[in-house]
Amino acid sequence: RHLAAGKSNRQIADELVVSVGTVKTHARHIYEKLSVNNR
């Protein structure tokens, strides 16, 4: 949902109170599950 809102990894991390690395890991899992390569 944050990706869809156009937020950066840093903005997402700040709002979800996680590290940027965690956001990147979630994004990678999302890409894999949706069979895509980018946000």
ModelCIF file with pLDDT and N, C-alpha, C, O atoms, coordinates in Angstrom:
data_MODEL
#
_entry.id   MODEL 
#
_entity.id                         1 
_entity.type                       polymer 
_entity.pdbx_number_of_molecules   1 
#
_entity_poly.entity_id                      1 
_entity_poly.type                           'polypeptide(L)' 
_entity_poly.nstd_linkage                   no 
_entity_poly.nstd_monomer                   no 
_entity_poly.pdbx_seq_one_letter_code       RHLAAGKSNRQIADELVVSVGTVKTHARHIYEKLSVNNR 
_entity_poly.pdbx_seq_one_letter_code_can   RHLAAGKSNRQIADELVVSVGTVKTHARHIYEKLSVNNR 
_entity_poly.pdbx_strand_id                 A 
#
loop_
_entity_poly_seq.entity_id 
_entity_poly_seq.num 
_entity_poly_seq.mon_id 
_entity_poly_seq.hetero 
1 1  ARG n 
1 2  HIS n 
1 3  LEU n 
1 4  ALA n 
1 5  ALA n 
1 6  GLY n 
1 7  LYS n 
1 8  SER n 
1 9  ASN n 
1 10 ARG n 
1 11 GLN n 
1 12 ILE n 
1 13 ALA n 
1 14 ASP n 
1 15 GLU n 
1 16 LEU n 
1 17 VAL n 
1 18 VAL n 
1 19 SER n 
1 20 VAL n 
1 21 GLY n 
1 22 THR n 
1 23 VAL n 
1 24 LYS n 
1 25 THR n 
1 26 HIS n 
1 27 ALA n 
1 28 ARG n 
1 29 HIS n 
1 30 ILE n 
1 31 TYR n 
1 32 GLU n 
1 33 LYS n 
1 34 LEU n 
1 35 SER n 
1 36 VAL n 
1 37 ASN n 
1 38 ASN n 
1 39 ARG n 
#
_struct_asym.id          A 
_struct_asym.entity_id   1 
#
loop_
_ma_qa_metric.id 
_ma_qa_metric.mode 
_ma_qa_metric.name 
_ma_qa_metric.software_group_id 
_ma_qa_metric.type 
1 global pLDDT . pLDDT 
2 local  pLDDT . pLDDT 
#
_ma_qa_metric_global.metric_id      1 
_ma_qa_metric_global.metric_value   97.00 
_ma_qa_metric_global.model_id       1 
_ma_qa_metric_global.ordinal_id     1 
#
loop_
_ma_qa_metric_local.label_asym_id 
_ma_qa_metric_local.label_comp_id 
_ma_qa_metric_local.label_seq_id 
_ma_qa_metric_local.metric_id 
_ma_qa_metric_local.metric_value 
_ma_qa_metric_local.model_id 
_ma_qa_metric_local.ordinal_id 
A ARG 1  2 97.00 1 1  
A HIS 2  2 98.00 1 2  
A LEU 3  2 97.00 1 3  
A ALA 4  2 97.00 1 4  
A ALA 5  2 97.00 1 5  
A GLY 6  2 97.00 1 6  
A LYS 7  2 97.00 1 7  
A SER 8  2 97.00 1 8  
A ASN 9  2 97.00 1 9  
A ARG 10 2 98.00 1 10 
A GLN 11 2 98.00 1 11 
A ILE 12 2 98.00 1 12 
A ALA 13 2 98.00 1 13 
A ASP 14 2 98.00 1 14 
A GLU 15 2 97.00 1 15 
A LEU 16 2 97.00 1 16 
A VAL 17 2 98.00 1 17 
A VAL 18 2 97.00 1 18 
A SER 19 2 98.00 1 19 
A VAL 20 2 98.00 1 20 
A GLY 21 2 98.00 1 21 
A THR 22 2 98.00 1 22 
A VAL 23 2 98.00 1 23 
A LYS 24 2 97.00 1 24 
A THR 25 2 98.00 1 25 
A HIS 26 2 97.00 1 26 
A ALA 27 2 97.00 1 27 
A ARG 28 2 97.00 1 28 
A HIS 29 2 97.00 1 29 
A ILE 30 2 97.00 1 30 
A TYR 31 2 97.00 1 31 
A GLU 32 2 95.00 1 32 
A LYS 33 2 95.00 1 33 
A LEU 34 2 95.00 1 34 
A SER 35 2 94.00 1 35 
A VAL 36 2 96.00 1 36 
A ASN 37 2 96.00 1 37 
A ASN 38 2 96.00 1 38 
A ARG 39 2 96.00 1 39 
#
loop_
_atom_site.group_PDB 
_atom_site.id 
_atom_site.type_symbol 
_atom_site.label_atom_id 
_atom_site.label_alt_id 
_atom_site.label_comp_id 
_atom_site.label_asym_id 
_atom_site.label_entity_id 
_atom_site.label_seq_id 
_atom_site.pdbx_PDB_ins_code 
_atom_site.Cartn_x 
_atom_site.Cartn_y 
_atom_site.Cartn_z 
_atom_site.occupancy 
_atom_site.B_iso_or_equiv 
_atom_site.pdbx_formal_charge 
_atom_site.auth_seq_id 
_atom_site.auth_comp_id 
_atom_site.auth_asym_id 
_atom_site.auth_atom_id 
_atom_site.pdbx_PDB_model_num 
ATOM 1   N N  . ARG A 1 1  ? 0.834  -1.214  0.000   1.00 97.00 ? 1  ARG A N  1 
ATOM 2   C CA . ARG A 1 1  ? 0.000  0.000   0.000   1.00 97.00 ? 1  ARG A CA 1 
ATOM 3   C C  . ARG A 1 1  ? 0.866  1.259   0.000   1.00 97.00 ? 1  ARG A C  1 
ATOM 4   O O  . ARG A 1 1  ? 0.553  2.241   -0.674  1.00 97.00 ? 1  ARG A O  1 
ATOM 5   N N  . HIS A 1 2  ? 1.954  1.217   0.764   1.00 98.00 ? 2  HIS A N  1 
ATOM 6   C CA . HIS A 1 2  ? 2.873  2.364   0.786   1.00 98.00 ? 2  HIS A CA 1 
ATOM 7   C C  . HIS A 1 2  ? 3.584  2.512   -0.561  1.00 98.00 ? 2  HIS A C  1 
ATOM 8   O O  . HIS A 1 2  ? 3.791  3.629   -1.036  1.00 98.00 ? 2  HIS A O  1 
ATOM 9   N N  . LEU A 1 3  ? 3.952  1.397   -1.168  1.00 97.00 ? 3  LEU A N  1 
ATOM 10  C CA . LEU A 1 3  ? 4.562  1.451   -2.503  1.00 97.00 ? 3  LEU A CA 1 
ATOM 11  C C  . LEU A 1 3  ? 3.593  2.088   -3.492  1.00 97.00 ? 3  LEU A C  1 
ATOM 12  O O  . LEU A 1 3  ? 3.980  2.924   -4.309  1.00 97.00 ? 3  LEU A O  1 
ATOM 13  N N  . ALA A 1 4  ? 2.334  1.684   -3.406  1.00 97.00 ? 4  ALA A N  1 
ATOM 14  C CA . ALA A 1 4  ? 1.316  2.220   -4.305  1.00 97.00 ? 4  ALA A CA 1 
ATOM 15  C C  . ALA A 1 4  ? 1.110  3.715   -4.104  1.00 97.00 ? 4  ALA A C  1 
ATOM 16  O O  . ALA A 1 4  ? 0.726  4.428   -5.031  1.00 97.00 ? 4  ALA A O  1 
ATOM 17  N N  . ALA A 1 5  ? 1.370  4.187   -2.880  1.00 97.00 ? 5  ALA A N  1 
ATOM 18  C CA . ALA A 1 5  ? 1.249  5.617   -2.580  1.00 97.00 ? 5  ALA A CA 1 
ATOM 19  C C  . ALA A 1 5  ? 2.474  6.397   -3.043  1.00 97.00 ? 5  ALA A C  1 
ATOM 20  O O  . ALA A 1 5  ? 2.528  7.618   -2.891  1.00 97.00 ? 5  ALA A O  1 
ATOM 21  N N  . GLY A 1 6  ? 3.459  5.696   -3.607  1.00 97.00 ? 6  GLY A N  1 
ATOM 22  C CA . GLY A 1 6  ? 4.645  6.369   -4.138  1.00 97.00 ? 6  GLY A CA 1 
ATOM 23  C C  . GLY A 1 6  ? 5.691  6.721   -3.099  1.00 97.00 ? 6  GLY A C  1 
ATOM 24  O O  . GLY A 1 6  ? 6.554  7.562   -3.352  1.00 97.00 ? 6  GLY A O  1 
ATOM 25  N N  . LYS A 1 7  ? 5.629  6.101   -1.953  1.00 97.00 ? 7  LYS A N  1 
ATOM 26  C CA . LYS A 1 7  ? 6.581  6.420   -0.886  1.00 97.00 ? 7  LYS A CA 1 
ATOM 27  C C  . LYS A 1 7  ? 7.915  5.716   -1.106  1.00 97.00 ? 7  LYS A C  1 
ATOM 28  O O  . LYS A 1 7  ? 7.975  4.626   -1.675  1.00 97.00 ? 7  LYS A O  1 
ATOM 29  N N  . SER A 1 8  ? 8.969  6.356   -0.649  1.00 97.00 ? 8  SER A N  1 
ATOM 30  C CA . SER A 1 8  ? 10.315 5.776   -0.734  1.00 97.00 ? 8  SER A CA 1 
ATOM 31  C C  . SER A 1 8  ? 10.484 4.707   0.338   1.00 97.00 ? 8  SER A C  1 
ATOM 32  O O  . SER A 1 8  ? 9.690  4.617   1.274   1.00 97.00 ? 8  SER A O  1 
ATOM 33  N N  . ASN A 1 9  ? 11.522 3.906   0.188   1.00 97.00 ? 9  ASN A N  1 
ATOM 34  C CA . ASN A 1 9  ? 11.815 2.890   1.203   1.00 97.00 ? 9  ASN A CA 1 
ATOM 35  C C  . ASN A 1 9  ? 12.023 3.536   2.572   1.00 97.00 ? 9  ASN A C  1 
ATOM 36  O O  . ASN A 1 9  ? 11.552 3.015   3.583   1.00 97.00 ? 9  ASN A O  1 
ATOM 37  N N  . ARG A 1 10 ? 12.708 4.642   2.607   1.00 98.00 ? 10 ARG A N  1 
ATOM 38  C CA . ARG A 1 10 ? 12.961 5.350   3.870   1.00 98.00 ? 10 ARG A CA 1 
ATOM 39  C C  . ARG A 1 10 ? 11.641 5.802   4.492   1.00 98.00 ? 10 ARG A C  1 
ATOM 40  O O  . ARG A 1 10 ? 11.439 5.618   5.693   1.00 98.00 ? 10 ARG A O  1 
ATOM 41  N N  . GLN A 1 11 ? 10.740 6.388   3.705   1.00 98.00 ? 11 GLN A N  1 
ATOM 42  C CA . GLN A 1 11 ? 9.451  6.841   4.219   1.00 98.00 ? 11 GLN A CA 1 
ATOM 43  C C  . GLN A 1 11 ? 8.630  5.668   4.765   1.00 98.00 ? 11 GLN A C  1 
ATOM 44  O O  . GLN A 1 11 ? 8.002  5.767   5.819   1.00 98.00 ? 11 GLN A O  1 
ATOM 45  N N  . ILE A 1 12 ? 8.649  4.565   4.028   1.00 98.00 ? 12 ILE A N  1 
ATOM 46  C CA . ILE A 1 12 ? 7.913  3.376   4.467   1.00 98.00 ? 12 ILE A CA 1 
ATOM 47  C C  . ILE A 1 12 ? 8.498  2.868   5.785   1.00 98.00 ? 12 ILE A C  1 
ATOM 48  O O  . ILE A 1 12 ? 7.764  2.553   6.722   1.00 98.00 ? 12 ILE A O  1 
ATOM 49  N N  . ALA A 1 13 ? 9.822  2.793   5.841   1.00 98.00 ? 13 ALA A N  1 
ATOM 50  C CA . ALA A 1 13 ? 10.491 2.322   7.055   1.00 98.00 ? 13 ALA A CA 1 
ATOM 51  C C  . ALA A 1 13 ? 10.126 3.198   8.250   1.00 98.00 ? 13 ALA A C  1 
ATOM 52  O O  . ALA A 1 13 ? 9.825  2.688   9.329   1.00 98.00 ? 13 ALA A O  1 
ATOM 53  N N  . ASP A 1 14 ? 10.153 4.498   8.061   1.00 98.00 ? 14 ASP A N  1 
ATOM 54  C CA . ASP A 1 14 ? 9.826  5.414   9.153   1.00 98.00 ? 14 ASP A CA 1 
ATOM 55  C C  . ASP A 1 14 ? 8.383  5.236   9.622   1.00 98.00 ? 14 ASP A C  1 
ATOM 56  O O  . ASP A 1 14 ? 8.112  5.239   10.823  1.00 98.00 ? 14 ASP A O  1 
ATOM 57  N N  . GLU A 1 15 ? 7.465  5.081   8.679   1.00 97.00 ? 15 GLU A N  1 
ATOM 58  C CA . GLU A 1 15 ? 6.051  4.951   9.045   1.00 97.00 ? 15 GLU A CA 1 
ATOM 59  C C  . GLU A 1 15 ? 5.732  3.601   9.695   1.00 97.00 ? 15 GLU A C  1 
ATOM 60  O O  . GLU A 1 15 ? 4.868  3.519   10.568  1.00 97.00 ? 15 GLU A O  1 
ATOM 61  N N  . LEU A 1 16 ? 6.424  2.555   9.273   1.00 97.00 ? 16 LEU A N  1 
ATOM 62  C CA . LEU A 1 16 ? 6.165  1.225   9.829   1.00 97.00 ? 16 LEU A CA 1 
ATOM 63  C C  . LEU A 1 16 ? 7.094  0.888   10.996  1.00 97.00 ? 16 LEU A C  1 
ATOM 64  O O  . LEU A 1 16 ? 6.986  -0.177  11.604  1.00 97.00 ? 16 LEU A O  1 
ATOM 65  N N  . VAL A 1 17 ? 8.002  1.809   11.295  1.00 98.00 ? 17 VAL A N  1 
ATOM 66  C CA . VAL A 1 17 ? 8.965  1.658   12.384  1.00 98.00 ? 17 VAL A CA 1 
ATOM 67  C C  . VAL A 1 17 ? 9.773  0.365   12.219  1.00 98.00 ? 17 VAL A C  1 
ATOM 68  O O  . VAL A 1 17 ? 9.828  -0.482  13.111  1.00 98.00 ? 17 VAL A O  1 
ATOM 69  N N  . VAL A 1 18 ? 10.392 0.250   11.049  1.00 97.00 ? 18 VAL A N  1 
ATOM 70  C CA . VAL A 1 18 ? 11.295 -0.855  10.734  1.00 97.00 ? 18 VAL A CA 1 
ATOM 71  C C  . VAL A 1 18 ? 12.493 -0.277  9.998   1.00 97.00 ? 18 VAL A C  1 
ATOM 72  O O  . VAL A 1 18 ? 12.510 0.912   9.680   1.00 97.00 ? 18 VAL A O  1 
ATOM 73  N N  . SER A 1 19 ? 13.484 -1.096  9.728   1.00 98.00 ? 19 SER A N  1 
ATOM 74  C CA . SER A 1 19 ? 14.657 -0.615  9.000   1.00 98.00 ? 19 SER A CA 1 
ATOM 75  C C  . SER A 1 19 ? 14.371 -0.586  7.496   1.00 98.00 ? 19 SER A C  1 
ATOM 76  O O  . SER A 1 19 ? 13.446 -1.235  7.007   1.00 98.00 ? 19 SER A O  1 
ATOM 77  N N  . VAL A 1 20 ? 15.185 0.178   6.789   1.00 98.00 ? 20 VAL A N  1 
ATOM 78  C CA . VAL A 1 20 ? 15.074 0.218   5.328   1.00 98.00 ? 20 VAL A CA 1 
ATOM 79  C C  . VAL A 1 20 ? 15.340 -1.177  4.763   1.00 98.00 ? 20 VAL A C  1 
ATOM 80  O O  . VAL A 1 20 ? 14.709 -1.586  3.789   1.00 98.00 ? 20 VAL A O  1 
ATOM 81  N N  . GLY A 1 21 ? 16.266 -1.896  5.369   1.00 98.00 ? 21 GLY A N  1 
ATOM 82  C CA . GLY A 1 21 ? 16.561 -3.261  4.929   1.00 98.00 ? 21 GLY A CA 1 
ATOM 83  C C  . GLY A 1 21 ? 15.344 -4.172  5.035   1.00 98.00 ? 21 GLY A C  1 
ATOM 84  O O  . GLY A 1 21 ? 15.116 -5.021  4.172   1.00 98.00 ? 21 GLY A O  1 
ATOM 85  N N  . THR A 1 22 ? 14.574 -3.992  6.086   1.00 98.00 ? 22 THR A N  1 
ATOM 86  C CA . THR A 1 22 ? 13.350 -4.787  6.263   1.00 98.00 ? 22 THR A CA 1 
ATOM 87  C C  . THR A 1 22 ? 12.340 -4.455  5.174   1.00 98.00 ? 22 THR A C  1 
ATOM 88  O O  . THR A 1 22 ? 11.685 -5.351  4.639   1.00 98.00 ? 22 THR A O  1 
ATOM 89  N N  . VAL A 1 23 ? 12.212 -3.187  4.845   1.00 98.00 ? 23 VAL A N  1 
ATOM 90  C CA . VAL A 1 23 ? 11.304 -2.776  3.770   1.00 98.00 ? 23 VAL A CA 1 
ATOM 91  C C  . VAL A 1 23 ? 11.750 -3.415  2.460   1.00 98.00 ? 23 VAL A C  1 
ATOM 92  O O  . VAL A 1 23 ? 10.924 -3.921  1.699   1.00 98.00 ? 23 VAL A O  1 
ATOM 93  N N  . LYS A 1 24 ? 13.048 -3.393  2.197   1.00 97.00 ? 24 LYS A N  1 
ATOM 94  C CA . LYS A 1 24 ? 13.571 -3.992  0.967   1.00 97.00 ? 24 LYS A CA 1 
ATOM 95  C C  . LYS A 1 24 ? 13.299 -5.492  0.919   1.00 97.00 ? 24 LYS A C  1 
ATOM 96  O O  . LYS A 1 24 ? 12.987 -6.040  -0.138  1.00 97.00 ? 24 LYS A O  1 
ATOM 97  N N  . THR A 1 25 ? 13.420 -6.149  2.066   1.00 98.00 ? 25 THR A N  1 
ATOM 98  C CA . THR A 1 25 ? 13.135 -7.585  2.122   1.00 98.00 ? 25 THR A CA 1 
ATOM 99  C C  . THR A 1 25 ? 11.660 -7.847  1.835   1.00 98.00 ? 25 THR A C  1 
ATOM 100 O O  . THR A 1 25 ? 11.325 -8.743  1.060   1.00 98.00 ? 25 THR A O  1 
ATOM 101 N N  . HIS A 1 26 ? 10.776 -7.065  2.458   1.00 97.00 ? 26 HIS A N  1 
ATOM 102 C CA . HIS A 1 26 ? 9.343  -7.217  2.191   1.00 97.00 ? 26 HIS A CA 1 
ATOM 103 C C  . HIS A 1 26 ? 9.057  -6.961  0.706   1.00 97.00 ? 26 HIS A C  1 
ATOM 104 O O  . HIS A 1 26 ? 8.294  -7.697  0.081   1.00 97.00 ? 26 HIS A O  1 
ATOM 105 N N  . ALA A 1 27 ? 9.664  -5.926  0.154   1.00 97.00 ? 27 ALA A N  1 
ATOM 106 C CA . ALA A 1 27 ? 9.442  -5.594  -1.259  1.00 97.00 ? 27 ALA A CA 1 
ATOM 107 C C  . ALA A 1 27 ? 9.900  -6.748  -2.148  1.00 97.00 ? 27 ALA A C  1 
ATOM 108 O O  . ALA A 1 27 ? 9.207  -7.111  -3.098  1.00 97.00 ? 27 ALA A O  1 
ATOM 109 N N  . ARG A 1 28 ? 11.051 -7.319  -1.847  1.00 97.00 ? 28 ARG A N  1 
ATOM 110 C CA . ARG A 1 28 ? 11.548 -8.452  -2.643  1.00 97.00 ? 28 ARG A CA 1 
ATOM 111 C C  . ARG A 1 28 ? 10.574 -9.624  -2.583  1.00 97.00 ? 28 ARG A C  1 
ATOM 112 O O  . ARG A 1 28 ? 10.317 -10.268 -3.600  1.00 97.00 ? 28 ARG A O  1 
ATOM 113 N N  . HIS A 1 29 ? 10.032 -9.904  -1.405  1.00 97.00 ? 29 HIS A N  1 
ATOM 114 C CA . HIS A 1 29 ? 9.053  -10.988 -1.263  1.00 97.00 ? 29 HIS A CA 1 
ATOM 115 C C  . HIS A 1 29 ? 7.779  -10.680 -2.050  1.00 97.00 ? 29 HIS A C  1 
ATOM 116 O O  . HIS A 1 29 ? 7.192  -11.565 -2.673  1.00 97.00 ? 29 HIS A O  1 
ATOM 117 N N  . ILE A 1 30 ? 7.363  -9.424  -2.012  1.00 97.00 ? 30 ILE A N  1 
ATOM 118 C CA . ILE A 1 30 ? 6.184  -9.003  -2.777  1.00 97.00 ? 30 ILE A CA 1 
ATOM 119 C C  . ILE A 1 30 ? 6.430  -9.231  -4.268  1.00 97.00 ? 30 ILE A C  1 
ATOM 120 O O  . ILE A 1 30 ? 5.575  -9.781  -4.962  1.00 97.00 ? 30 ILE A O  1 
ATOM 121 N N  . TYR A 1 31 ? 7.588  -8.811  -4.756  1.00 97.00 ? 31 TYR A N  1 
ATOM 122 C CA . TYR A 1 31 ? 7.913  -8.970  -6.184  1.00 97.00 ? 31 TYR A CA 1 
ATOM 123 C C  . TYR A 1 31 ? 7.903  -10.445 -6.571  1.00 97.00 ? 31 TYR A C  1 
ATOM 124 O O  . TYR A 1 31 ? 7.383  -10.817 -7.622  1.00 97.00 ? 31 TYR A O  1 
ATOM 125 N N  . GLU A 1 32 ? 8.479  -11.274 -5.717  1.00 95.00 ? 32 GLU A N  1 
ATOM 126 C CA . GLU A 1 32 ? 8.525  -12.715 -6.005  1.00 95.00 ? 32 GLU A CA 1 
ATOM 127 C C  . GLU A 1 32 ? 7.120  -13.301 -6.058  1.00 95.00 ? 32 GLU A C  1 
ATOM 128 O O  . GLU A 1 32 ? 6.795  -14.067 -6.965  1.00 95.00 ? 32 GLU A O  1 
ATOM 129 N N  . LYS A 1 33 ? 6.296  -12.942 -5.092  1.00 95.00 ? 33 LYS A N  1 
ATOM 130 C CA . LYS A 1 33 ? 4.948  -13.497 -5.028  1.00 95.00 ? 33 LYS A CA 1 
ATOM 131 C C  . LYS A 1 33 ? 4.063  -13.008 -6.169  1.00 95.00 ? 33 LYS A C  1 
ATOM 132 O O  . LYS A 1 33 ? 3.165  -13.723 -6.612  1.00 95.00 ? 33 LYS A O  1 
ATOM 133 N N  . LEU A 1 34 ? 4.317  -11.792 -6.642  1.00 95.00 ? 34 LEU A N  1 
ATOM 134 C CA . LEU A 1 34 ? 3.522  -11.237 -7.740  1.00 95.00 ? 34 LEU A CA 1 
ATOM 135 C C  . LEU A 1 34 ? 4.166  -11.497 -9.105  1.00 95.00 ? 34 LEU A C  1 
ATOM 136 O O  . LEU A 1 34 ? 3.612  -11.127 -10.140 1.00 95.00 ? 34 LEU A O  1 
ATOM 137 N N  . SER A 1 35 ? 5.329  -12.131 -9.096  1.00 94.00 ? 35 SER A N  1 
ATOM 138 C CA . SER A 1 35 ? 6.072  -12.436 -10.342 1.00 94.00 ? 35 SER A CA 1 
ATOM 139 C C  . SER A 1 35 ? 6.384  -11.179 -11.140 1.00 94.00 ? 35 SER A C  1 
ATOM 140 O O  . SER A 1 35 ? 6.122  -11.108 -12.341 1.00 94.00 ? 35 SER A O  1 
ATOM 141 N N  . VAL A 1 36 ? 6.947  -10.190 -10.456 1.00 96.00 ? 36 VAL A N  1 
ATOM 142 C CA . VAL A 1 36 ? 7.345  -8.933  -11.090 1.00 96.00 ? 36 VAL A CA 1 
ATOM 143 C C  . VAL A 1 36 ? 8.776  -8.598  -10.682 1.00 96.00 ? 36 VAL A C  1 
ATOM 144 O O  . VAL A 1 36 ? 9.368  -9.273  -9.839  1.00 96.00 ? 36 VAL A O  1 
ATOM 145 N N  . ASN A 1 37 ? 9.327  -7.542  -11.293 1.00 96.00 ? 37 ASN A N  1 
ATOM 146 C CA . ASN A 1 37 ? 10.718 -7.177  -11.022 1.00 96.00 ? 37 ASN A CA 1 
ATOM 147 C C  . ASN A 1 37 ? 10.908 -5.818  -10.360 1.00 96.00 ? 37 ASN A C  1 
ATOM 148 O O  . ASN A 1 37 ? 12.025 -5.473  -9.971  1.00 96.00 ? 37 ASN A O  1 
ATOM 149 N N  . ASN A 1 38 ? 9.829  -5.036  -10.226 1.00 96.00 ? 38 ASN A N  1 
ATOM 150 C CA . ASN A 1 38 ? 9.992  -3.713  -9.636  1.00 96.00 ? 38 ASN A CA 1 
ATOM 151 C C  . ASN A 1 38 ? 8.680  -3.225  -9.024  1.00 96.00 ? 38 ASN A C  1 
ATOM 152 O O  . ASN A 1 38 ? 7.627  -3.838  -9.200  1.00 96.00 ? 38 ASN A O  1 
ATOM 153 N N  . ARG A 1 39 ? 8.768  -2.119  -8.308  1.00 96.00 ? 39 ARG A N  1 
ATOM 154 C CA . ARG A 1 39 ? 7.597  -1.620  -7.587  1.00 96.00 ? 39 ARG A CA 1 
ATOM 155 C C  . ARG A 1 39 ? 6.480  -1.167  -8.508  1.00 96.00 ? 39 ARG A C  1 
ATOM 156 O O  . ARG A 1 39 ? 5.433  -0.723  -8.036  1.00 96.00 ? 39 ARG A O  1 
#
